[in-house]
C-alpha atoms as a PDB file:
ATOM      1  CA  MET A   1     -90.199  40.396  11.711  1.00  0.00           C
ATOM      2  CA  LYS A   2     -86.550  41.256  11.861  1.00  0.00           C
ATOM      3  CA  GLU A   3     -86.547  44.967  11.064  1.00  0.00           C
ATOM      4  CA  ILE A   4     -88.645  48.070  10.570  1.00  0.00           C
ATOM      5  CA  VAL A   5     -87.801  51.227   8.618  1.00  0.00           C
ATOM      6  CA  PHE A   6     -88.740  54.767   9.620  1.00  0.00           C
ATOM      7  CA  PHE A   7     -88.565  57.792   7.340  1.00  0.00           C
ATOM      8  CA  VAL A   8     -87.327  60.756   9.382  1.00  0.00           C
ATOM      9  CA  GLU A   9     -87.472  64.420   8.455  1.00  0.00           C
ATOM     10  CA  GLU A  10     -87.189  67.752  10.205  1.00  0.00           C
ATOM     11  CA  SER A  11     -90.511  69.148  11.358  1.00  0.00           C
ATOM     12  CA  GLN A  12     -91.593  72.497   9.942  1.00  0.00           C
ATOM     13  CA  GLU A  13     -92.297  73.696  13.488  1.00  0.00           C
ATOM     14  CA  SER A  14     -89.273  72.208  15.298  1.00  0.00           C
ATOM     15  CA  GLY A  15     -87.702  68.841  16.000  1.00  0.00           C
ATOM     16  CA  TYR A  16     -88.166  65.708  13.922  1.00  0.00           C
ATOM     17  CA  VAL A  17     -91.016  63.475  12.767  1.00  0.00           C
ATOM     18  CA  ALA A  18     -90.817  59.781  11.890  1.00  0.00           C
ATOM     19  CA  LYS A  19     -93.238  57.577   9.924  1.00  0.00           C
ATOM     20  CA  ALA A  20     -92.839  53.822   9.648  1.00  0.00           C
ATOM     21  CA  ALA A  21     -92.795  52.256   6.211  1.00  0.00           C
ATOM     22  CA  ASN A  22     -95.601  49.676   5.834  1.00  0.00           C
ATOM     23  CA  HIS A  23     -96.980  50.271   9.342  1.00  0.00           C
ATOM     24  CA  SER A  24     -99.268  52.851  10.938  1.00  0.00           C
ATOM     25  CA  ILE A  25     -96.670  54.223  13.319  1.00  0.00           C
ATOM     26  CA  TYR A  26     -95.988  57.945  13.501  1.00  0.00           C
ATOM     27  CA  THR A  27     -94.102  59.841  16.200  1.00  0.00           C
ATOM     28  CA  GLN A  28     -92.003  62.932  16.831  1.00  0.00           C
ATOM     29  CA  GLY A  29     -89.248  64.263  19.059  1.00  0.00           C
ATOM     30  CA  ASN A  30     -87.475  67.534  19.810  1.00  0.00           C
ATOM     31  CA  ASN A  31     -84.077  66.085  18.874  1.00  0.00           C
ATOM     32  CA  ILE A  32     -82.649  62.842  17.460  1.00  0.00           C
ATOM     33  CA  ASP A  33     -82.081  61.215  20.861  1.00  0.00           C
ATOM     34  CA  GLU A  34     -85.645  61.945  21.973  1.00  0.00           C
ATOM     35  CA  LEU A  35     -86.970  60.765  18.609  1.00  0.00           C
ATOM     36  CA  LYS A  36     -85.193  57.418  19.014  1.00  0.00           C
ATOM     37  CA  LEU A  37     -86.797  56.963  22.446  1.00  0.00           C
ATOM     38  CA  MET A  38     -90.226  57.857  21.050  1.00  0.00           C
ATOM     39  CA  ILE A  39     -89.792  55.445  18.123  1.00  0.00           C
ATOM     40  CA  SER A  40     -88.750  52.616  20.462  1.00  0.00           C
ATOM     41  CA  ASP A  41     -91.770  53.265  22.669  1.00  0.00           C
ATOM     42  CA  ALA A  42     -94.134  53.379  19.683  1.00  0.00           C
ATOM     43  CA  VAL A  43     -92.744  50.126  18.258  1.00  0.00           C
ATOM     44  CA  ARG A  44     -93.119  48.371  21.629  1.00  0.00           C
ATOM     45  CA  CYS A  45     -96.752  49.526  21.813  1.00  0.00           C
ATOM     46  CA  HIS A  46     -97.521  48.489  18.230  1.00  0.00           C
ATOM     47  CA  PHE A  47     -96.164  44.920  18.202  1.00  0.00           C
ATOM     48  CA  ASP A  48     -96.578  41.982  20.523  1.00  0.00           C
ATOM     49  CA  GLU A  49     -93.450  40.183  21.727  1.00  0.00           C
ATOM     50  CA  ALA A  50     -93.552  37.484  19.014  1.00  0.00           C
ATOM     51  CA  GLU A  51     -93.657  40.050  16.164  1.00  0.00           C
ATOM     52  CA  MET A  52     -91.326  42.667  17.673  1.00  0.00           C
ATOM     53  CA  PRO A  53     -88.674  43.806  15.167  1.00  0.00           C
ATOM     54  CA  LYS A  54     -85.093  43.322  16.251  1.00  0.00           C
ATOM     55  CA  PHE A  55     -83.686  46.276  14.292  1.00  0.00           C
ATOM     56  CA  ILE A  56     -84.973  49.783  13.643  1.00  0.00           C
ATOM     57  CA  HIS A  57     -83.591  51.587  10.599  1.00  0.00           C
ATOM     58  CA  LEU A  58     -83.855  55.360  10.332  1.00  0.00           C
ATOM     59  CA  HIS A  59     -83.881  56.787   6.825  1.00  0.00           C
ATOM     60  CA  PHE A  60     -83.322  60.548   7.001  1.00  0.00           C
ATOM     61  CA  THR A  61     -84.882  62.623   4.245  1.00  0.00           C
ATOM     62  CA  HIS A  62     -84.311  66.248   3.452  1.00  0.00           C
ATOM     63  CA  GLU A  63     -86.596  68.425   1.384  1.00  0.00           C
ATOM     64  CA  GLU A  64     -85.383  71.615  -0.204  1.00  0.00           C
ATOM     65  CA  THR A  65     -87.255  74.078  -2.376  1.00  0.00           C
ATOM     66  CA  TYR A  66     -85.728  76.785  -4.492  1.00  0.00           C
ATOM     67  CA  THR A  67     -86.837  79.141  -7.267  1.00  0.00           C
ATOM     68  CA  LEU A  68     -85.640  79.295 -10.831  1.00  0.00           C
END
């Protein structure tokens, strides 16, 4: 595997949450730098050396609700 994609959004409580696309990896961090460390750690725990992705892509999403 060459790459893995994470969908990142702001947590309702505080910080950020990230969920991997096509894998059961979910993590969170208080800020973007901490989130990147947590994602790297989670990816290392999830894959063995032969299947370890070389690139991690972060796709930031933003949800907004408003009334009509």
